[in-house]
Amino acid sequence: MGNPENPQGQDRDDAGVLLAPRQKVKRPTLYNVVLHNDDYTTQELVVEVLRLFFHKTDAEAQTIMLNVHNKGRGIAGTYSKDLAESKVAQVTDYARTHGAPLKLTAEPAH
């Protein structure tokens, strides 16, 4: 049986003000910026881009660089799709201006 003061079953705040129904907001998909190993990009350049573009500490940059070197890939950071794609473009341009073929991709985070 319905509430006679609130026949539509709508919510009210503490002051009795009718509230709009809450809508669930879907969080945007996040993307990992992934660095891929190659035989030409120096480890120093990888550490440099991790510090400059992803604001990693020396220790964090070294750990990620070693993952790239030893495992073939490493995650530099996780961002919204637009920001991840922007980071990929910025770092790719930077690497090219330094003569390196560093490959980065933006991949959906799981």
PDB file of N, CA and C in Angstrom:
ATOM      1  N   MET A   1       0.843  -1.171   0.000  1.00  0.00           N
ATOM      2  CA  MET A   1       0.000   0.000   0.000  1.00  0.00           C
ATOM      3  C   MET A   1       0.886   1.231   0.000  1.00  0.00           C
ATOM      4  N   GLY A   2       0.572   2.225  -0.814  1.00  0.00           N
ATOM      5  CA  GLY A   2       1.394   3.422  -0.969  1.00  0.00           C
ATOM      6  C   GLY A   2       1.277   4.369   0.202  1.00  0.00           C
ATOM      7  N   ASN A   3       2.227   5.232   0.333  1.00  0.00           N
ATOM      8  CA  ASN A   3       2.232   6.269   1.347  1.00  0.00           C
ATOM      9  C   ASN A   3       1.352   7.409   0.848  1.00  0.00           C
ATOM     10  N   PRO A   4       0.299   7.809   1.605  1.00  0.00           N
ATOM     11  CA  PRO A   4      -0.591   8.864   1.110  1.00  0.00           C
ATOM     12  C   PRO A   4       0.115  10.203   0.967  1.00  0.00           C
ATOM     13  N   GLU A   5       1.183  10.437   1.708  1.00  0.00           N
ATOM     14  CA  GLU A   5       1.918  11.696   1.586  1.00  0.00           C
ATOM     15  C   GLU A   5       2.878  11.665   0.406  1.00  0.00           C
ATOM     16  N   ASN A   6       3.137  10.489  -0.110  1.00  0.00           N
ATOM     17  CA  ASN A   6       4.099  10.325  -1.202  1.00  0.00           C
ATOM     18  C   ASN A   6       3.552   9.257  -2.151  1.00  0.00           C
ATOM     19  N   PRO A   7       2.497   9.561  -2.898  1.00  0.00           N
ATOM     20  CA  PRO A   7       1.809   8.535  -3.684  1.00  0.00           C
ATOM     21  C   PRO A   7       2.642   7.907  -4.795  1.00  0.00           C
ATOM     22  N   GLN A   8       3.601   8.603  -5.338  1.00  0.00           N
ATOM     23  CA  GLN A   8       4.413   8.022  -6.409  1.00  0.00           C
ATOM     24  C   GLN A   8       5.625   7.271  -5.873  1.00  0.00           C
ATOM     25  N   GLY A   9       5.824   7.248  -4.564  1.00  0.00           N
ATOM     26  CA  GLY A   9       6.970   6.550  -3.992  1.00  0.00           C
ATOM     27  C   GLY A   9       8.269   7.289  -4.217  1.00  0.00           C
ATOM     28  N   GLN A  10       8.193   8.613  -4.469  1.00  0.00           N
ATOM     29  CA  GLN A  10       9.408   9.389  -4.718  1.00  0.00           C
ATOM     30  C   GLN A  10      10.078   9.740  -3.406  1.00  0.00           C
ATOM     31  N   ASP A  11      11.389   9.915  -3.447  1.00  0.00           N
ATOM     32  CA  ASP A  11      12.166  10.243  -2.258  1.00  0.00           C
ATOM     33  C   ASP A  11      12.075  11.728  -1.954  1.00  0.00           C
ATOM     34  N   ARG A  12      12.167  12.033  -0.660  1.00  0.00           N
ATOM     35  CA  ARG A  12      12.209  13.421  -0.209  1.00  0.00           C
ATOM     36  C   ARG A  12      13.413  13.575   0.716  1.00  0.00           C
ATOM     37  N   ASP A  13      13.995  14.779   0.712  1.00  0.00           N
ATOM     38  CA  ASP A  13      15.106  15.016   1.627  1.00  0.00           C
ATOM     39  C   ASP A  13      14.575  15.302   3.024  1.00  0.00           C
ATOM     40  N   ASP A  14      15.453  15.624   3.969  1.00  0.00           N
ATOM     41  CA  ASP A  14      15.055  15.848   5.357  1.00  0.00           C
ATOM     42  C   ASP A  14      14.072  16.999   5.510  1.00  0.00           C
ATOM     43  N   ALA A  15      14.098  17.966   4.605  1.00  0.00           N
ATOM     44  CA  ALA A  15      13.193  19.114   4.666  1.00  0.00           C
ATOM     45  C   ALA A  15      11.882  18.835   3.933  1.00  0.00           C
ATOM     46  N   GLY A  16      11.707  17.637   3.411  1.00  0.00           N
ATOM     47  CA  GLY A  16      10.491  17.281   2.708  1.00  0.00           C
ATOM     48  C   GLY A  16      10.477  17.681   1.245  1.00  0.00           C
ATOM     49  N   VAL A  17      11.616  18.108   0.713  1.00  0.00           N
ATOM     50  CA  VAL A  17      11.703  18.514  -0.687  1.00  0.00           C
ATOM     51  C   VAL A  17      11.775  17.265  -1.555  1.00  0.00           C
ATOM     52  N   LEU A  18      10.934  17.254  -2.569  1.00  0.00           N
ATOM     53  CA  LEU A  18      10.900  16.124  -3.489  1.00  0.00           C
ATOM     54  C   LEU A  18      12.211  16.040  -4.259  1.00  0.00           C
ATOM     55  N   LEU A  19      12.829  14.885  -4.279  1.00  0.00           N
ATOM     56  CA  LEU A  19      14.114  14.683  -4.964  1.00  0.00           C
ATOM     57  C   LEU A  19      13.909  13.988  -6.294  1.00  0.00           C
ATOM     58  N   ALA A  20      14.731  14.358  -7.266  1.00  0.00           N
ATOM     59  CA  ALA A  20      14.709  13.669  -8.559  1.00  0.00           C
ATOM     60  C   ALA A  20      15.272  12.266  -8.357  1.00  0.00           C
ATOM     61  N   PRO A  21      14.775  11.303  -9.115  1.00  0.00           N
ATOM     62  CA  PRO A  21      15.313   9.941  -8.981  1.00  0.00           C
ATOM     63  C   PRO A  21      16.811   9.930  -9.291  1.00  0.00           C
ATOM     64  N   ARG A  22      17.544   9.174  -8.518  1.00  0.00           N
ATOM     65  CA  ARG A  22      18.984   9.063  -8.743  1.00  0.00           C
ATOM     66  C   ARG A  22      19.246   8.173  -9.943  1.00  0.00           C
ATOM     67  N   GLN A  23      20.140   8.640 -10.802  1.00  0.00           N
ATOM     68  CA  GLN A  23      20.526   7.829 -11.950  1.00  0.00           C
ATOM     69  C   GLN A  23      21.929   7.311 -11.712  1.00  0.00           C
ATOM     70  N   LYS A  24      22.119   6.066 -12.020  1.00  0.00           N
ATOM     71  CA  LYS A  24      23.454   5.495 -11.880  1.00  0.00           C
ATOM     72  C   LYS A  24      24.315   5.980 -13.030  1.00  0.00           C
ATOM     73  N   VAL A  25      25.488   6.468 -12.686  1.00  0.00           N
ATOM     74  CA  VAL A  25      26.421   6.958 -13.692  1.00  0.00           C
ATOM     75  C   VAL A  25      27.456   5.875 -13.933  1.00  0.00           C
ATOM     76  N   LYS A  26      27.599   5.504 -15.180  1.00  0.00           N
ATOM     77  CA  LYS A  26      28.584   4.479 -15.532  1.00  0.00           C
ATOM     78  C   LYS A  26      29.957   5.132 -15.592  1.00  0.00           C
ATOM     79  N   ARG A  27      30.901   4.558 -14.894  1.00  0.00           N
ATOM     80  CA  ARG A  27      32.264   5.085 -14.918  1.00  0.00           C
ATOM     81  C   ARG A  27      32.886   4.820 -16.287  1.00  0.00           C
ATOM     82  N   PRO A  28      33.686   5.770 -16.771  1.00  0.00           N
ATOM     83  CA  PRO A  28      34.314   5.561 -18.078  1.00  0.00           C
ATOM     84  C   PRO A  28      35.339   4.431 -18.010  1.00  0.00           C
ATOM     85  N   THR A  29      35.503   3.764 -19.120  1.00  0.00           N
ATOM     86  CA  THR A  29      36.508   2.712 -19.202  1.00  0.00           C
ATOM     87  C   THR A  29      37.884   3.343 -19.094  1.00  0.00           C
ATOM     88  N   LEU A  30      38.750   2.746 -18.294  1.00  0.00           N
ATOM     89  CA  LEU A  30      40.116   3.230 -18.162  1.00  0.00           C
ATOM     90  C   LEU A  30      41.025   2.463 -19.111  1.00  0.00           C
ATOM     91  N   TYR A  31      42.096   3.135 -19.501  1.00  0.00           N
ATOM     92  CA  TYR A  31      43.043   2.554 -20.449  1.00  0.00           C
ATOM     93  C   TYR A  31      44.447   2.588 -19.868  1.00  0.00           C
ATOM     94  N   ASN A  32      45.167   1.479 -20.050  1.00  0.00           N
ATOM     95  CA  ASN A  32      46.579   1.414 -19.681  1.00  0.00           C
ATOM     96  C   ASN A  32      47.412   1.931 -20.848  1.00  0.00           C
ATOM     97  N   VAL A  33      48.398   2.760 -20.536  1.00  0.00           N
ATOM     98  CA  VAL A  33      49.395   3.131 -21.539  1.00  0.00           C
ATOM     99  C   VAL A  33      50.513   2.113 -21.387  1.00  0.00           C
ATOM    100  N   VAL A  34      50.731   1.338 -22.450  1.00  0.00           N
ATOM    101  CA  VAL A  34      51.683   0.229 -22.411  1.00  0.00           C
ATOM    102  C   VAL A  34      52.887   0.560 -23.282  1.00  0.00           C
ATOM    103  N   LEU A  35      54.083   0.386 -22.715  1.00  0.00           N
ATOM    104  CA  LEU A  35      55.326   0.519 -23.476  1.00  0.00           C
ATOM    105  C   LEU A  35      55.740  -0.875 -23.920  1.00  0.00           C
ATOM    106  N   HIS A  36      56.204  -0.971 -25.168  1.00  0.00           N
ATOM    107  CA  HIS A  36      56.601  -2.263 -25.730  1.00  0.00           C
ATOM    108  C   HIS A  36      58.106  -2.282 -25.981  1.00  0.00           C
ATOM    109  N   ASN A  37      58.691  -3.424 -25.759  1.00  0.00           N
ATOM    110  CA  ASN A  37      60.135  -3.581 -25.941  1.00  0.00           C
ATOM    111  C   ASN A  37      60.511  -3.564 -27.424  1.00  0.00           C
ATOM    112  N   ASP A  38      61.660  -2.985 -27.709  1.00  0.00           N
ATOM    113  CA  ASP A  38      62.248  -3.069 -29.046  1.00  0.00           C
ATOM    114  C   ASP A  38      63.764  -3.158 -28.871  1.00  0.00           C
ATOM    115  N   ASP A  39      64.453  -3.393 -29.964  1.00  0.00           N
ATOM    116  CA  ASP A  39      65.906  -3.578 -29.886  1.00  0.00           C
ATOM    117  C   ASP A  39      66.691  -2.286 -30.056  1.00  0.00           C
ATOM    118  N   TYR A  40      66.012  -1.138 -30.162  1.00  0.00           N
ATOM    119  CA  TYR A  40      66.717   0.101 -30.474  1.00  0.00           C
ATOM    120  C   TYR A  40      66.577   1.198 -29.427  1.00  0.00           C
ATOM    121  N   THR A  41      65.430   1.294 -28.790  1.00  0.00           N
ATOM    122  CA  THR A  41      65.224   2.344 -27.787  1.00  0.00           C
ATOM    123  C   THR A  41      66.057   2.033 -26.555  1.00  0.00           C
ATOM    124  N   THR A  42      66.814   3.023 -26.099  1.00  0.00           N
ATOM    125  CA  THR A  42      67.679   2.794 -24.932  1.00  0.00           C
ATOM    126  C   THR A  42      66.846   2.735 -23.652  1.00  0.00           C
ATOM    127  N   GLN A  43      67.387   2.023 -22.696  1.00  0.00           N
ATOM    128  CA  GLN A  43      66.739   1.945 -21.387  1.00  0.00           C
ATOM    129  C   GLN A  43      66.676   3.336 -20.751  1.00  0.00           C
ATOM    130  N   GLU A  44      67.701   4.138 -21.001  1.00  0.00           N
ATOM    131  CA  GLU A  44      67.741   5.497 -20.448  1.00  0.00           C
ATOM    132  C   GLU A  44      66.585   6.342 -20.981  1.00  0.00           C
ATOM    133  N   LEU A  45      66.280   6.209 -22.270  1.00  0.00           N
ATOM    134  CA  LEU A  45      65.178   6.980 -22.844  1.00  0.00           C
ATOM    135  C   LEU A  45      63.843   6.519 -22.261  1.00  0.00           C
ATOM    136  N   VAL A  46      63.680   5.242 -22.048  1.00  0.00           N
ATOM    137  CA  VAL A  46      62.441   4.732 -21.452  1.00  0.00           C
ATOM    138  C   VAL A  46      62.263   5.319 -20.046  1.00  0.00           C
ATOM    139  N   VAL A  47      63.331   5.306 -19.262  1.00  0.00           N
ATOM    140  CA  VAL A  47      63.270   5.890 -17.914  1.00  0.00           C
ATOM    141  C   VAL A  47      62.951   7.382 -18.006  1.00  0.00           C
ATOM    142  N   GLU A  48      63.564   8.065 -18.956  1.00  0.00           N
ATOM    143  CA  GLU A  48      63.343   9.499 -19.132  1.00  0.00           C
ATOM    144  C   GLU A  48      61.872   9.808 -19.433  1.00  0.00           C
ATOM    145  N   VAL A  49      61.266   9.067 -20.367  1.00  0.00           N
ATOM    146  CA  VAL A  49      59.864   9.355 -20.698  1.00  0.00           C
ATOM    147  C   VAL A  49      58.942   8.996 -19.538  1.00  0.00           C
ATOM    148  N   LEU A  50      59.276   7.965 -18.791  1.00  0.00           N
ATOM    149  CA  LEU A  50      58.461   7.612 -17.635  1.00  0.00           C
ATOM    150  C   LEU A  50      58.496   8.714 -16.583  1.00  0.00           C
ATOM    151  N   ARG A  51      59.642   9.343 -16.407  1.00  0.00           N
ATOM    152  CA  ARG A  51      59.758  10.431 -15.442  1.00  0.00           C
ATOM    153  C   ARG A  51      59.091  11.710 -15.970  1.00  0.00           C
ATOM    154  N   LEU A  52      59.337  12.039 -17.244  1.00  0.00           N
ATOM    155  CA  LEU A  52      58.822  13.288 -17.808  1.00  0.00           C
ATOM    156  C   LEU A  52      57.312  13.286 -18.059  1.00  0.00           C
ATOM    157  N   PHE A  53      56.817  12.234 -18.666  1.00  0.00           N
ATOM    158  CA  PHE A  53      55.425  12.209 -19.114  1.00  0.00           C
ATOM    159  C   PHE A  53      54.474  11.501 -18.157  1.00  0.00           C
ATOM    160  N   PHE A  54      55.014  10.616 -17.318  1.00  0.00           N
ATOM    161  CA  PHE A  54      54.152   9.844 -16.419  1.00  0.00           C
ATOM    162  C   PHE A  54      54.440  10.142 -14.952  1.00  0.00           C
ATOM    163  N   HIS A  55      55.373  11.083 -14.710  1.00  0.00           N
ATOM    164  CA  HIS A  55      55.690  11.568 -13.358  1.00  0.00           C
ATOM    165  C   HIS A  55      56.075  10.446 -12.392  1.00  0.00           C
ATOM    166  N   LYS A  56      56.854   9.491 -12.894  1.00  0.00           N
ATOM    167  CA  LYS A  56      57.332   8.383 -12.065  1.00  0.00           C
ATOM    168  C   LYS A  56      58.615   8.792 -11.348  1.00  0.00           C
ATOM    169  N   THR A  57      58.828   8.212 -10.191  1.00  0.00           N
ATOM    170  CA  THR A  57      60.097   8.408  -9.491  1.00  0.00           C
ATOM    171  C   THR A  57      61.165   7.603 -10.224  1.00  0.00           C
ATOM    172  N   ASP A  58      62.419   7.844  -9.869  1.00  0.00           N
ATOM    173  CA  ASP A  58      63.497   7.050 -10.480  1.00  0.00           C
ATOM    174  C   ASP A  58      63.270   5.559 -10.247  1.00  0.00           C
ATOM    175  N   ALA A  59      62.916   5.196  -9.029  1.00  0.00           N
ATOM    176  CA  ALA A  59      62.716   3.778  -8.699  1.00  0.00           C
ATOM    177  C   ALA A  59      61.551   3.185  -9.487  1.00  0.00           C
ATOM    178  N   GLU A  60      60.437   3.915  -9.569  1.00  0.00           N
ATOM    179  CA  GLU A  60      59.284   3.422 -10.335  1.00  0.00           C
ATOM    180  C   GLU A  60      59.632   3.284 -11.807  1.00  0.00           C
ATOM    181  N   ALA A  61      60.319   4.270 -12.348  1.00  0.00           N
ATOM    182  CA  ALA A  61      60.697   4.246 -13.765  1.00  0.00           C
ATOM    183  C   ALA A  61      61.632   3.076 -14.055  1.00  0.00           C
ATOM    184  N   GLN A  62      62.577   2.825 -13.165  1.00  0.00           N
ATOM    185  CA  GLN A  62      63.504   1.696 -13.347  1.00  0.00           C
ATOM    186  C   GLN A  62      62.735   0.369 -13.340  1.00  0.00           C
ATOM    187  N   THR A  63      61.793   0.223 -12.421  1.00  0.00           N
ATOM    188  CA  THR A  63      61.007  -1.019 -12.328  1.00  0.00           C
ATOM    189  C   THR A  63      60.193  -1.242 -13.597  1.00  0.00           C
ATOM    190  N   ILE A  64      59.515  -0.199 -14.080  1.00  0.00           N
ATOM    191  CA  ILE A  64      58.715  -0.328 -15.303  1.00  0.00           C
ATOM    192  C   ILE A  64      59.615  -0.617 -16.497  1.00  0.00           C
ATOM    193  N   MET A  65      60.756   0.096 -16.586  1.00  0.00           N
ATOM    194  CA  MET A  65      61.700  -0.136 -17.694  1.00  0.00           C
ATOM    195  C   MET A  65      62.177  -1.592 -17.697  1.00  0.00           C
ATOM    196  N   LEU A  66      62.465  -2.148 -16.519  1.00  0.00           N
ATOM    197  CA  LEU A  66      62.911  -3.550 -16.447  1.00  0.00           C
ATOM    198  C   LEU A  66      61.799  -4.506 -16.861  1.00  0.00           C
ATOM    199  N   ASN A  67      60.542  -4.180 -16.544  1.00  0.00           N
ATOM    200  CA  ASN A  67      59.423  -4.999 -17.033  1.00  0.00           C
ATOM    201  C   ASN A  67      59.372  -4.975 -18.555  1.00  0.00           C
ATOM    202  N   VAL A  68      59.543  -3.778 -19.131  1.00  0.00           N
ATOM    203  CA  VAL A  68      59.546  -3.660 -20.590  1.00  0.00           C
ATOM    204  C   VAL A  68      60.685  -4.501 -21.167  1.00  0.00           C
ATOM    205  N   HIS A  69      61.862  -4.371 -20.579  1.00  0.00           N
ATOM    206  CA  HIS A  69      63.051  -5.071 -21.081  1.00  0.00           C
ATOM    207  C   HIS A  69      62.928  -6.585 -20.916  1.00  0.00           C
ATOM    208  N   ASN A  70      62.474  -7.034 -19.747  1.00  0.00           N
ATOM    209  CA  ASN A  70      62.464  -8.472 -19.444  1.00  0.00           C
ATOM    210  C   ASN A  70      61.190  -9.196 -19.862  1.00  0.00           C
ATOM    211  N   LYS A  71      60.061  -8.507 -19.824  1.00  0.00           N
ATOM    212  CA  LYS A  71      58.778  -9.152 -20.115  1.00  0.00           C
ATOM    213  C   LYS A  71      58.180  -8.714 -21.446  1.00  0.00           C
ATOM    214  N   GLY A  72      58.817  -7.717 -22.087  1.00  0.00           N
ATOM    215  CA  GLY A  72      58.349  -7.277 -23.397  1.00  0.00           C
ATOM    216  C   GLY A  72      57.367  -6.123 -23.355  1.00  0.00           C
ATOM    217  N   ARG A  73      56.869  -5.787 -22.167  1.00  0.00           N
ATOM    218  CA  ARG A  73      55.921  -4.692 -22.031  1.00  0.00           C
ATOM    219  C   ARG A  73      55.824  -4.255 -20.584  1.00  0.00           C
ATOM    220  N   GLY A  74      55.406  -3.011 -20.401  1.00  0.00           N
ATOM    221  CA  GLY A  74      55.215  -2.490 -19.059  1.00  0.00           C
ATOM    222  C   GLY A  74      54.171  -1.388 -19.083  1.00  0.00           C
ATOM    223  N   ILE A  75      53.411  -1.279 -18.019  1.00  0.00           N
ATOM    224  CA  ILE A  75      52.348  -0.276 -17.937  1.00  0.00           C
ATOM    225  C   ILE A  75      52.909   1.001 -17.328  1.00  0.00           C
ATOM    226  N   ALA A  76      52.804   2.081 -18.096  1.00  0.00           N
ATOM    227  CA  ALA A  76      53.290   3.383 -17.646  1.00  0.00           C
ATOM    228  C   ALA A  76      52.262   4.093 -16.780  1.00  0.00           C
ATOM    229  N   GLY A  77      50.982   3.868 -17.034  1.00  0.00           N
ATOM    230  CA  GLY A  77      49.931   4.508 -16.266  1.00  0.00           C
ATOM    231  C   GLY A  77      48.564   4.125 -16.780  1.00  0.00           C
ATOM    232  N   THR A  78      47.539   4.485 -16.017  1.00  0.00           N
ATOM    233  CA  THR A  78      46.161   4.180 -16.370  1.00  0.00           C
ATOM    234  C   THR A  78      45.368   5.481 -16.364  1.00  0.00           C
ATOM    235  N   TYR A  79      44.654   5.725 -17.461  1.00  0.00           N
ATOM    236  CA  TYR A  79      43.992   7.011 -17.673  1.00  0.00           C
ATOM    237  C   TYR A  79      42.666   6.812 -18.399  1.00  0.00           C
ATOM    238  N   SER A  80      41.920   7.908 -18.529  1.00  0.00           N
ATOM    239  CA  SER A  80      40.751   7.890 -19.398  1.00  0.00           C
ATOM    240  C   SER A  80      41.247   7.656 -20.829  1.00  0.00           C
ATOM    241  N   LYS A  81      40.340   7.266 -21.715  1.00  0.00           N
ATOM    242  CA  LYS A  81      40.735   6.953 -23.091  1.00  0.00           C
ATOM    243  C   LYS A  81      41.423   8.138 -23.767  1.00  0.00           C
ATOM    244  N   ASP A  82      40.820   9.324 -23.677  1.00  0.00           N
ATOM    245  CA  ASP A  82      41.392  10.507 -24.336  1.00  0.00           C
ATOM    246  C   ASP A  82      42.777  10.836 -23.809  1.00  0.00           C
ATOM    247  N   LEU A  83      42.943  10.793 -22.490  1.00  0.00           N
ATOM    248  CA  LEU A  83      44.241  11.115 -21.908  1.00  0.00           C
ATOM    249  C   LEU A  83      45.279  10.053 -22.262  1.00  0.00           C
ATOM    250  N   ALA A  84      44.891   8.783 -22.251  1.00  0.00           N
ATOM    251  CA  ALA A  84      45.821   7.704 -22.616  1.00  0.00           C
ATOM    252  C   ALA A  84      46.289   7.869 -24.062  1.00  0.00           C
ATOM    253  N   GLU A  85      45.354   8.161 -24.969  1.00  0.00           N
ATOM    254  CA  GLU A  85      45.727   8.344 -26.375  1.00  0.00           C
ATOM    255  C   GLU A  85      46.615   9.568 -26.549  1.00  0.00           C
ATOM    256  N   SER A  86      46.358  10.603 -25.786  1.00  0.00           N
ATOM    257  CA  SER A  86      47.195  11.809 -25.836  1.00  0.00           C
ATOM    258  C   SER A  86      48.610  11.503 -25.357  1.00  0.00           C
ATOM    259  N   LYS A  87      48.733  10.743 -24.275  1.00  0.00           N
ATOM    260  CA  LYS A  87      50.058  10.358 -23.752  1.00  0.00           C
ATOM    261  C   LYS A  87      50.814   9.542 -24.800  1.00  0.00           C
ATOM    262  N   VAL A  88      50.120   8.606 -25.441  1.00  0.00           N
ATOM    263  CA  VAL A  88      50.753   7.781 -26.478  1.00  0.00           C
ATOM    264  C   VAL A  88      51.309   8.673 -27.580  1.00  0.00           C
ATOM    265  N   ALA A  89      50.520   9.623 -28.045  1.00  0.00           N
ATOM    266  CA  ALA A  89      50.956  10.521 -29.129  1.00  0.00           C
ATOM    267  C   ALA A  89      52.132  11.392 -28.687  1.00  0.00           C
ATOM    268  N   GLN A  90      52.052  11.967 -27.491  1.00  0.00           N
ATOM    269  CA  GLN A  90      53.125  12.833 -26.998  1.00  0.00           C
ATOM    270  C   GLN A  90      54.442  12.079 -26.860  1.00  0.00           C
ATOM    271  N   VAL A  91      54.386  10.909 -26.254  1.00  0.00           N
ATOM    272  CA  VAL A  91      55.613  10.141 -26.026  1.00  0.00           C
ATOM    273  C   VAL A  91      56.172   9.607 -27.337  1.00  0.00           C
ATOM    274  N   THR A  92      55.292   9.183 -28.240  1.00  0.00           N
ATOM    275  CA  THR A  92      55.759   8.705 -29.550  1.00  0.00           C
ATOM    276  C   THR A  92      56.493   9.826 -30.282  1.00  0.00           C
ATOM    277  N   ASP A  93      55.932  11.020 -30.287  1.00  0.00           N
ATOM    278  CA  ASP A  93      56.593  12.174 -30.922  1.00  0.00           C
ATOM    279  C   ASP A  93      57.934  12.465 -30.258  1.00  0.00           C
ATOM    280  N   TYR A  94      57.958  12.453 -28.944  1.00  0.00           N
ATOM    281  CA  TYR A  94      59.195  12.725 -28.199  1.00  0.00           C
ATOM    282  C   TYR A  94      60.266  11.687 -28.549  1.00  0.00           C
ATOM    283  N   ALA A  95      59.874  10.419 -28.554  1.00  0.00           N
ATOM    284  CA  ALA A  95      60.829   9.351 -28.870  1.00  0.00           C
ATOM    285  C   ALA A  95      61.364   9.503 -30.292  1.00  0.00           C
ATOM    286  N   ARG A  96      60.500   9.845 -31.237  1.00  0.00           N
ATOM    287  CA  ARG A  96      60.935  10.004 -32.624  1.00  0.00           C
ATOM    288  C   ARG A  96      61.935  11.148 -32.754  1.00  0.00           C
ATOM    289  N   THR A  97      61.704  12.238 -32.021  1.00  0.00           N
ATOM    290  CA  THR A  97      62.644  13.366 -32.088  1.00  0.00           C
ATOM    291  C   THR A  97      63.989  13.009 -31.471  1.00  0.00           C
ATOM    292  N   HIS A  98      64.019  11.934 -30.691  1.00  0.00           N
ATOM    293  CA  HIS A  98      65.269  11.450 -30.104  1.00  0.00           C
ATOM    294  C   HIS A  98      65.775  10.198 -30.821  1.00  0.00           C
ATOM    295  N   GLY A  99      65.236   9.944 -32.014  1.00  0.00           N
ATOM    296  CA  GLY A  99      65.719   8.849 -32.857  1.00  0.00           C
ATOM    297  C   GLY A  99      65.362   7.459 -32.379  1.00  0.00           C
ATOM    298  N   ALA A 100      64.308   7.337 -31.590  1.00  0.00           N
ATOM    299  CA  ALA A 100      63.935   6.025 -31.059  1.00  0.00           C
ATOM    300  C   ALA A 100      62.570   5.591 -31.587  1.00  0.00           C
ATOM    301  N   PRO A 101      62.425   4.299 -31.901  1.00  0.00           N
ATOM    302  CA  PRO A 101      61.152   3.789 -32.406  1.00  0.00           C
ATOM    303  C   PRO A 101      60.234   3.269 -31.297  1.00  0.00           C
ATOM    304  N   LEU A 102      60.355   3.829 -30.093  1.00  0.00           N
ATOM    305  CA  LEU A 102      59.568   3.356 -28.949  1.00  0.00           C
ATOM    306  C   LEU A 102      58.100   3.225 -29.325  1.00  0.00           C
ATOM    307  N   LYS A 103      57.535   2.059 -29.020  1.00  0.00           N
ATOM    308  CA  LYS A 103      56.123   1.798 -29.331  1.00  0.00           C
ATOM    309  C   LYS A 103      55.323   1.845 -28.038  1.00  0.00           C
ATOM    310  N   LEU A 104      54.233   2.602 -28.075  1.00  0.00           N
ATOM    311  CA  LEU A 104      53.297   2.661 -26.970  1.00  0.00           C
ATOM    312  C   LEU A 104      51.907   2.379 -27.524  1.00  0.00           C
ATOM    313  N   THR A 105      51.069   1.785 -26.685  1.00  0.00           N
ATOM    314  CA  THR A 105      49.681   1.574 -27.054  1.00  0.00           C
ATOM    315  C   THR A 105      48.789   1.942 -25.872  1.00  0.00           C
ATOM    316  N   ALA A 106      47.539   2.252 -26.163  1.00  0.00           N
ATOM    317  CA  ALA A 106      46.518   2.456 -25.135  1.00  0.00           C
ATOM    318  C   ALA A 106      45.583   1.266 -25.209  1.00  0.00           C
ATOM    319  N   GLU A 107      45.501   0.511 -24.110  1.00  0.00           N
ATOM    320  CA  GLU A 107      44.707  -0.714 -24.086  1.00  0.00           C
ATOM    321  C   GLU A 107      43.726  -0.663 -22.923  1.00  0.00           C
ATOM    322  N   PRO A 108      42.503  -1.146 -23.118  1.00  0.00           N
ATOM    323  CA  PRO A 108      41.547  -1.120 -22.006  1.00  0.00           C
ATOM    324  C   PRO A 108      42.113  -1.851 -20.780  1.00  0.00           C
ATOM    325  N   ALA A 109      41.979  -1.210 -19.629  1.00  0.00           N
ATOM    326  CA  ALA A 109      42.431  -1.816 -18.364  1.00  0.00           C
ATOM    327  C   ALA A 109      41.375  -2.848 -17.938  1.00  0.00           C
ATOM    328  N   HIS A 110      41.813  -3.915 -17.352  1.00  0.00           N
ATOM    329  CA  HIS A 110      40.867  -4.960 -16.927  1.00  0.00           C
ATOM    330  C   HIS A 110      40.725  -4.947 -15.434  1.00  0.00           C
TER     331      HIS A 110
END
